[in-house]
Amino acid sequence: MAEDRWLIAGLGNPGPQYAGTRHNVGFLCADELAGRMGVSFRRDSSRAMAATGQLAGVPVTLAKPMSFMNISGGPVAALRGFYKLPPARVLVLHDELDLPFGTVRLKLGGGDNGHNGLRSVTAALGTRDYHRVRIGIGRPPGRMDPADYVLRNFSAAERSELDEILVRAADAAEVLMVSGLAAAQNEFHC
């Protein structure tokens, strides 16, 4: 049934030059979830790479919009419309400057906090009332422009921790779908 399905969209930028950047942590978490589901991404008519399957017994469509971060809302809204999902069944995985590196937080709704990908998703969905898994990438050092910082690759030290962080973020998405937001927040906001 469509009402049981979740759409999980990992935000990032397409192309090999962006693959290891902080801004692509949403894509990386979507890849972790696809591995758990045993599915592969394929190009979809919604301008996204998409994969469908089951995660923790729940029907899921995973998506990685291929339209660049700043205009990623269109593909997310197209998939939501195709599956006729309420906004509360949409989960966006994204990088968060205002959380320390490695922190995982969940929320429903709220502002975009200067994140152009979230701004695009909110505009395309026509609401802020969708779930988010926020993956902390920390603030840029010194006076570095945040736009430059998010497009930089992770440091060697950060890369050594990244797999564990992606596992925690994927676990948070699963708990959210199965047990609800409050239970997921209680487990991962410690």
C-alpha atoms as a PDB file:
ATOM      1  CA  MET A   1       0.000   0.000   0.000  1.00  0.00           C
ATOM      2  CA  ALA A   2       1.280   3.444  -0.925  1.00  0.00           C
ATOM      3  CA  GLU A   3       0.526   4.841   2.519  1.00  0.00           C
ATOM      4  CA  ASP A   4       3.072   2.421   4.019  1.00  0.00           C
ATOM      5  CA  ARG A   5       5.866   3.472   1.640  1.00  0.00           C
ATOM      6  CA  TRP A   6       8.600   5.936   2.566  1.00  0.00           C
ATOM      7  CA  LEU A   7      10.573   8.093   0.170  1.00  0.00           C
ATOM      8  CA  ILE A   8      14.124   8.605   1.439  1.00  0.00           C
ATOM      9  CA  ALA A   9      16.068  11.219  -0.498  1.00  0.00           C
ATOM     10  CA  GLY A  10      19.776  11.672   0.045  1.00  0.00           C
ATOM     11  CA  LEU A  11      20.923  15.126  -1.008  1.00  0.00           C
ATOM     12  CA  GLY A  12      24.176  15.743  -2.852  1.00  0.00           C
ATOM     13  CA  ASN A  13      25.694  16.777  -6.160  1.00  0.00           C
ATOM     14  CA  PRO A  14      26.112  14.397  -9.104  1.00  0.00           C
ATOM     15  CA  GLY A  15      29.486  13.742 -10.676  1.00  0.00           C
ATOM     16  CA  PRO A  16      32.787  12.229  -9.586  1.00  0.00           C
ATOM     17  CA  GLN A  17      34.299  15.604  -8.631  1.00  0.00           C
ATOM     18  CA  TYR A  18      31.744  15.874  -5.780  1.00  0.00           C
ATOM     19  CA  ALA A  19      31.668  12.234  -4.662  1.00  0.00           C
ATOM     20  CA  GLY A  20      33.778  12.603  -1.519  1.00  0.00           C
ATOM     21  CA  THR A  21      32.673  16.072  -0.444  1.00  0.00           C
ATOM     22  CA  ARG A  22      30.921  17.036   2.768  1.00  0.00           C
ATOM     23  CA  HIS A  23      27.875  18.206   0.790  1.00  0.00           C
ATOM     24  CA  ASN A  24      27.413  14.653  -0.516  1.00  0.00           C
ATOM     25  CA  VAL A  25      26.973  12.958   2.837  1.00  0.00           C
ATOM     26  CA  GLY A  26      23.253  12.525   2.010  1.00  0.00           C
ATOM     27  CA  PHE A  27      24.173  10.545  -1.133  1.00  0.00           C
ATOM     28  CA  LEU A  28      26.625   8.473   0.906  1.00  0.00           C
ATOM     29  CA  CYS A  29      23.966   7.630   3.502  1.00  0.00           C
ATOM     30  CA  ALA A  30      21.517   6.679   0.719  1.00  0.00           C
ATOM     31  CA  ASP A  31      24.208   4.329  -0.621  1.00  0.00           C
ATOM     32  CA  GLU A  32      24.500   2.748   2.848  1.00  0.00           C
ATOM     33  CA  LEU A  33      20.731   2.176   2.902  1.00  0.00           C
ATOM     34  CA  ALA A  34      20.751   0.728  -0.633  1.00  0.00           C
ATOM     35  CA  GLY A  35      23.422  -1.739   0.483  1.00  0.00           C
ATOM     36  CA  ARG A  36      21.260  -2.827   3.406  1.00  0.00           C
ATOM     37  CA  MET A  37      18.302  -3.270   1.070  1.00  0.00           C
ATOM     38  CA  GLY A  38      20.353  -5.169  -1.530  1.00  0.00           C
ATOM     39  CA  VAL A  39      19.235  -2.816  -4.314  1.00  0.00           C
ATOM     40  CA  SER A  40      21.000  -0.739  -6.950  1.00  0.00           C
ATOM     41  CA  PHE A  41      20.218   2.776  -8.090  1.00  0.00           C
ATOM     42  CA  ARG A  42      18.904   3.318 -11.609  1.00  0.00           C
ATOM     43  CA  ARG A  43      18.125   6.513 -13.484  1.00  0.00           C
ATOM     44  CA  ASP A  44      14.467   7.428 -12.995  1.00  0.00           C
ATOM     45  CA  SER A  45      12.183   9.678 -15.064  1.00  0.00           C
ATOM     46  CA  SER A  46      12.103  12.051 -12.078  1.00  0.00           C
ATOM     47  CA  ARG A  47      15.736  13.176 -12.715  1.00  0.00           C
ATOM     48  CA  ALA A  48      16.958  11.036  -9.838  1.00  0.00           C
ATOM     49  CA  MET A  49      18.803   7.810  -9.306  1.00  0.00           C
ATOM     50  CA  ALA A  50      16.211   5.669  -7.560  1.00  0.00           C
ATOM     51  CA  ALA A  51      15.941   2.229  -5.984  1.00  0.00           C
ATOM     52  CA  THR A  52      12.971   0.457  -4.447  1.00  0.00           C
ATOM     53  CA  GLY A  53      12.800  -2.351  -1.951  1.00  0.00           C
ATOM     54  CA  GLN A  54      12.222  -3.112   1.703  1.00  0.00           C
ATOM     55  CA  LEU A  55      14.053  -1.707   4.697  1.00  0.00           C
ATOM     56  CA  ALA A  56      13.216  -3.152   8.109  1.00  0.00           C
ATOM     57  CA  GLY A  57      10.095  -4.644   6.538  1.00  0.00           C
ATOM     58  CA  VAL A  58       8.896  -1.272   5.229  1.00  0.00           C
ATOM     59  CA  PRO A  59       8.522  -0.454   1.502  1.00  0.00           C
ATOM     60  CA  VAL A  60      11.051   2.243   0.598  1.00  0.00           C
ATOM     61  CA  THR A  61      12.024   4.227  -2.439  1.00  0.00           C
ATOM     62  CA  LEU A  62      15.537   5.637  -2.153  1.00  0.00           C
ATOM     63  CA  ALA A  63      16.474   8.618  -4.299  1.00  0.00           C
ATOM     64  CA  LYS A  64      19.551  10.633  -5.138  1.00  0.00           C
ATOM     65  CA  PRO A  65      18.454  13.713  -7.144  1.00  0.00           C
ATOM     66  CA  MET A  66      20.747  14.221 -10.146  1.00  0.00           C
ATOM     67  CA  SER A  67      19.831  17.878 -10.571  1.00  0.00           C
ATOM     68  CA  PHE A  68      22.499  19.365  -8.233  1.00  0.00           C
ATOM     69  CA  MET A  69      21.886  20.346  -4.629  1.00  0.00           C
ATOM     70  CA  ASN A  70      20.348  23.778  -5.201  1.00  0.00           C
ATOM     71  CA  ILE A  71      17.542  22.404  -7.383  1.00  0.00           C
ATOM     72  CA  SER A  72      17.088  18.959  -5.848  1.00  0.00           C
ATOM     73  CA  GLY A  73      13.487  19.596  -4.815  1.00  0.00           C
ATOM     74  CA  GLY A  74      11.990  18.888  -8.242  1.00  0.00           C
ATOM     75  CA  PRO A  75      13.007  15.223  -8.361  1.00  0.00           C
ATOM     76  CA  VAL A  76      11.965  14.708  -4.722  1.00  0.00           C
ATOM     77  CA  ALA A  77       8.537  16.247  -5.374  1.00  0.00           C
ATOM     78  CA  ALA A  78       8.124  14.205  -8.588  1.00  0.00           C
ATOM     79  CA  LEU A  79       8.744  10.941  -6.735  1.00  0.00           C
ATOM     80  CA  ARG A  80       6.481  11.970  -3.855  1.00  0.00           C
ATOM     81  CA  GLY A  81       3.745  12.733  -6.403  1.00  0.00           C
ATOM     82  CA  PHE A  82       4.266   9.458  -8.273  1.00  0.00           C
ATOM     83  CA  TYR A  83       3.821   7.438  -5.080  1.00  0.00           C
ATOM     84  CA  LYS A  84       1.103   9.790  -3.739  1.00  0.00           C
ATOM     85  CA  LEU A  85       2.868  10.073  -0.391  1.00  0.00           C
ATOM     86  CA  PRO A  86       2.034  12.575   2.332  1.00  0.00           C
ATOM     87  CA  PRO A  87       4.959  14.870   3.204  1.00  0.00           C
ATOM     88  CA  ALA A  88       5.351  13.081   6.557  1.00  0.00           C
ATOM     89  CA  ARG A  89       6.426   9.955   4.588  1.00  0.00           C
ATOM     90  CA  VAL A  90       9.347  11.844   3.014  1.00  0.00           C
ATOM     91  CA  LEU A  91      12.730  11.642   4.726  1.00  0.00           C
ATOM     92  CA  VAL A  92      15.639  13.800   3.549  1.00  0.00           C
ATOM     93  CA  LEU A  93      19.232  12.874   4.431  1.00  0.00           C
ATOM     94  CA  HIS A  94      21.518  15.917   4.393  1.00  0.00           C
ATOM     95  CA  ASP A  95      24.692  17.562   5.646  1.00  0.00           C
ATOM     96  CA  GLU A  96      24.405  20.051   8.504  1.00  0.00           C
ATOM     97  CA  LEU A  97      27.004  22.777   9.109  1.00  0.00           C
ATOM     98  CA  ASP A  98      25.600  23.698  12.508  1.00  0.00           C
ATOM     99  CA  LEU A  99      26.151  20.258  14.013  1.00  0.00           C
ATOM    100  CA  PRO A 100      29.601  19.030  15.064  1.00  0.00           C
ATOM    101  CA  PHE A 101      31.178  16.523  12.685  1.00  0.00           C
ATOM    102  CA  GLY A 102      29.659  13.083  13.166  1.00  0.00           C
ATOM    103  CA  THR A 103      26.552  14.184  15.056  1.00  0.00           C
ATOM    104  CA  VAL A 104      23.277  12.665  13.833  1.00  0.00           C
ATOM    105  CA  ARG A 105      19.978  14.420  14.589  1.00  0.00           C
ATOM    106  CA  LEU A 106      16.413  13.860  13.417  1.00  0.00           C
ATOM    107  CA  LYS A 107      13.546  16.287  13.091  1.00  0.00           C
ATOM    108  CA  LEU A 108      10.224  16.918  11.411  1.00  0.00           C
ATOM    109  CA  GLY A 109       9.749  20.264   9.715  1.00  0.00           C
ATOM    110  CA  GLY A 110      11.596  23.442  10.511  1.00  0.00           C
ATOM    111  CA  GLY A 111      13.552  25.919   8.472  1.00  0.00           C
ATOM    112  CA  ASP A 112      16.263  25.312   5.932  1.00  0.00           C
ATOM    113  CA  ASN A 113      19.009  26.951   8.040  1.00  0.00           C
ATOM    114  CA  GLY A 114      20.643  28.333   4.895  1.00  0.00           C
ATOM    115  CA  HIS A 115      20.812  24.891   3.229  1.00  0.00           C
ATOM    116  CA  ASN A 116      19.934  25.400  -0.434  1.00  0.00           C
ATOM    117  CA  GLY A 117      19.007  21.754  -0.938  1.00  0.00           C
ATOM    118  CA  LEU A 118      16.445  21.902   1.859  1.00  0.00           C
ATOM    119  CA  ARG A 119      15.176  25.240   0.557  1.00  0.00           C
ATOM    120  CA  SER A 120      14.604  23.613  -2.840  1.00  0.00           C
ATOM    121  CA  VAL A 121      12.863  20.551  -1.355  1.00  0.00           C
ATOM    122  CA  THR A 122      10.603  22.736   0.808  1.00  0.00           C
ATOM    123  CA  ALA A 123       9.654  24.920  -2.164  1.00  0.00           C
ATOM    124  CA  ALA A 124       8.966  21.915  -4.413  1.00  0.00           C
ATOM    125  CA  LEU A 125       6.922  20.041  -1.793  1.00  0.00           C
ATOM    126  CA  GLY A 126       5.092  23.209  -0.753  1.00  0.00           C
ATOM    127  CA  THR A 127       5.653  22.395   2.919  1.00  0.00           C
ATOM    128  CA  ARG A 128       8.354  22.091   5.573  1.00  0.00           C
ATOM    129  CA  ASP A 129       6.584  19.138   7.177  1.00  0.00           C
ATOM    130  CA  TYR A 130       8.876  16.353   6.047  1.00  0.00           C
ATOM    131  CA  HIS A 131      11.400  14.384   8.110  1.00  0.00           C
ATOM    132  CA  ARG A 132      15.126  15.028   8.080  1.00  0.00           C
ATOM    133  CA  VAL A 133      18.192  13.111   9.191  1.00  0.00           C
ATOM    134  CA  ARG A 134      20.788  15.817   9.767  1.00  0.00           C
ATOM    135  CA  ILE A 135      24.382  14.610   9.513  1.00  0.00           C
ATOM    136  CA  GLY A 136      26.839  16.990  11.153  1.00  0.00           C
ATOM    137  CA  ILE A 137      29.821  18.146   9.089  1.00  0.00           C
ATOM    138  CA  GLY A 138      30.906  20.942  11.452  1.00  0.00           C
ATOM    139  CA  ARG A 139      31.677  24.582  10.727  1.00  0.00           C
ATOM    140  CA  PRO A 140      34.407  25.707   8.321  1.00  0.00           C
ATOM    141  CA  PRO A 141      37.733  26.628   9.902  1.00  0.00           C
ATOM    142  CA  GLY A 142      38.658  30.270  10.326  1.00  0.00           C
ATOM    143  CA  ARG A 143      37.015  32.575   7.834  1.00  0.00           C
ATOM    144  CA  MET A 144      36.518  29.974   5.108  1.00  0.00           C
ATOM    145  CA  ASP A 145      33.364  30.508   3.076  1.00  0.00           C
ATOM    146  CA  PRO A 146      30.806  27.799   3.994  1.00  0.00           C
ATOM    147  CA  ALA A 147      30.083  27.300   0.257  1.00  0.00           C
ATOM    148  CA  ASP A 148      33.739  26.361  -0.290  1.00  0.00           C
ATOM    149  CA  TYR A 149      33.844  24.207   2.833  1.00  0.00           C
ATOM    150  CA  VAL A 150      30.894  21.984   1.911  1.00  0.00           C
ATOM    151  CA  LEU A 151      32.425  21.279  -1.507  1.00  0.00           C
ATOM    152  CA  ARG A 152      35.740  20.117  -0.005  1.00  0.00           C
ATOM    153  CA  ASN A 153      36.591  16.484   0.502  1.00  0.00           C
ATOM    154  CA  PHE A 154      36.590  15.062   4.002  1.00  0.00           C
ATOM    155  CA  SER A 155      39.975  15.111   5.726  1.00  0.00           C
ATOM    156  CA  ALA A 156      41.816  11.819   6.261  1.00  0.00           C
ATOM    157  CA  ALA A 157      40.833  11.866   9.945  1.00  0.00           C
ATOM    158  CA  GLU A 158      37.180  12.499   9.065  1.00  0.00           C
ATOM    159  CA  ARG A 159      37.206   9.764   6.398  1.00  0.00           C
ATOM    160  CA  SER A 160      38.409   7.282   9.017  1.00  0.00           C
ATOM    161  CA  GLU A 161      35.195   7.931  11.000  1.00  0.00           C
ATOM    162  CA  LEU A 162      32.798   8.426   8.100  1.00  0.00           C
ATOM    163  CA  ASP A 163      31.647   4.816   7.631  1.00  0.00           C
ATOM    164  CA  GLU A 164      30.594   4.591  11.285  1.00  0.00           C
ATOM    165  CA  ILE A 165      28.719   7.910  11.015  1.00  0.00           C
ATOM    166  CA  LEU A 166      26.881   6.761   7.890  1.00  0.00           C
ATOM    167  CA  VAL A 167      25.873   3.536   9.656  1.00  0.00           C
ATOM    168  CA  ARG A 168      24.466   5.589  12.581  1.00  0.00           C
ATOM    169  CA  ALA A 169      22.571   7.895  10.213  1.00  0.00           C
ATOM    170  CA  ALA A 170      21.132   4.918   8.326  1.00  0.00           C
ATOM    171  CA  ASP A 171      20.185   3.271  11.638  1.00  0.00           C
ATOM    172  CA  ALA A 172      18.417   6.512  12.622  1.00  0.00           C
ATOM    173  CA  ALA A 173      16.406   6.451   9.385  1.00  0.00           C
ATOM    174  CA  GLU A 174      15.345   2.852  10.053  1.00  0.00           C
ATOM    175  CA  VAL A 175      14.290   3.542  13.637  1.00  0.00           C
ATOM    176  CA  LEU A 176      12.326   6.591  12.492  1.00  0.00           C
ATOM    177  CA  MET A 177      10.382   4.552   9.925  1.00  0.00           C
ATOM    178  CA  VAL A 178       9.672   1.634  12.244  1.00  0.00           C
ATOM    179  CA  SER A 179       9.246   3.270  15.657  1.00  0.00           C
ATOM    180  CA  GLY A 180       8.520   6.939  14.962  1.00  0.00           C
ATOM    181  CA  LEU A 181      10.320  10.230  15.432  1.00  0.00           C
ATOM    182  CA  ALA A 182      10.257  10.378  19.249  1.00  0.00           C
ATOM    183  CA  ALA A 183      11.780   6.909  19.609  1.00  0.00           C
ATOM    184  CA  ALA A 184      14.469   7.715  17.029  1.00  0.00           C
ATOM    185  CA  GLN A 185      15.306  11.004  18.733  1.00  0.00           C
ATOM    186  CA  ASN A 186      15.527   9.270  22.124  1.00  0.00           C
ATOM    187  CA  GLU A 187      17.955   6.719  20.701  1.00  0.00           C
ATOM    188  CA  PHE A 188      20.177   8.987  18.610  1.00  0.00           C
ATOM    189  CA  HIS A 189      20.132  12.339  20.424  1.00  0.00           C
ATOM    190  CA  CYS A 190      22.418  11.283  23.251  1.00  0.00           C
END
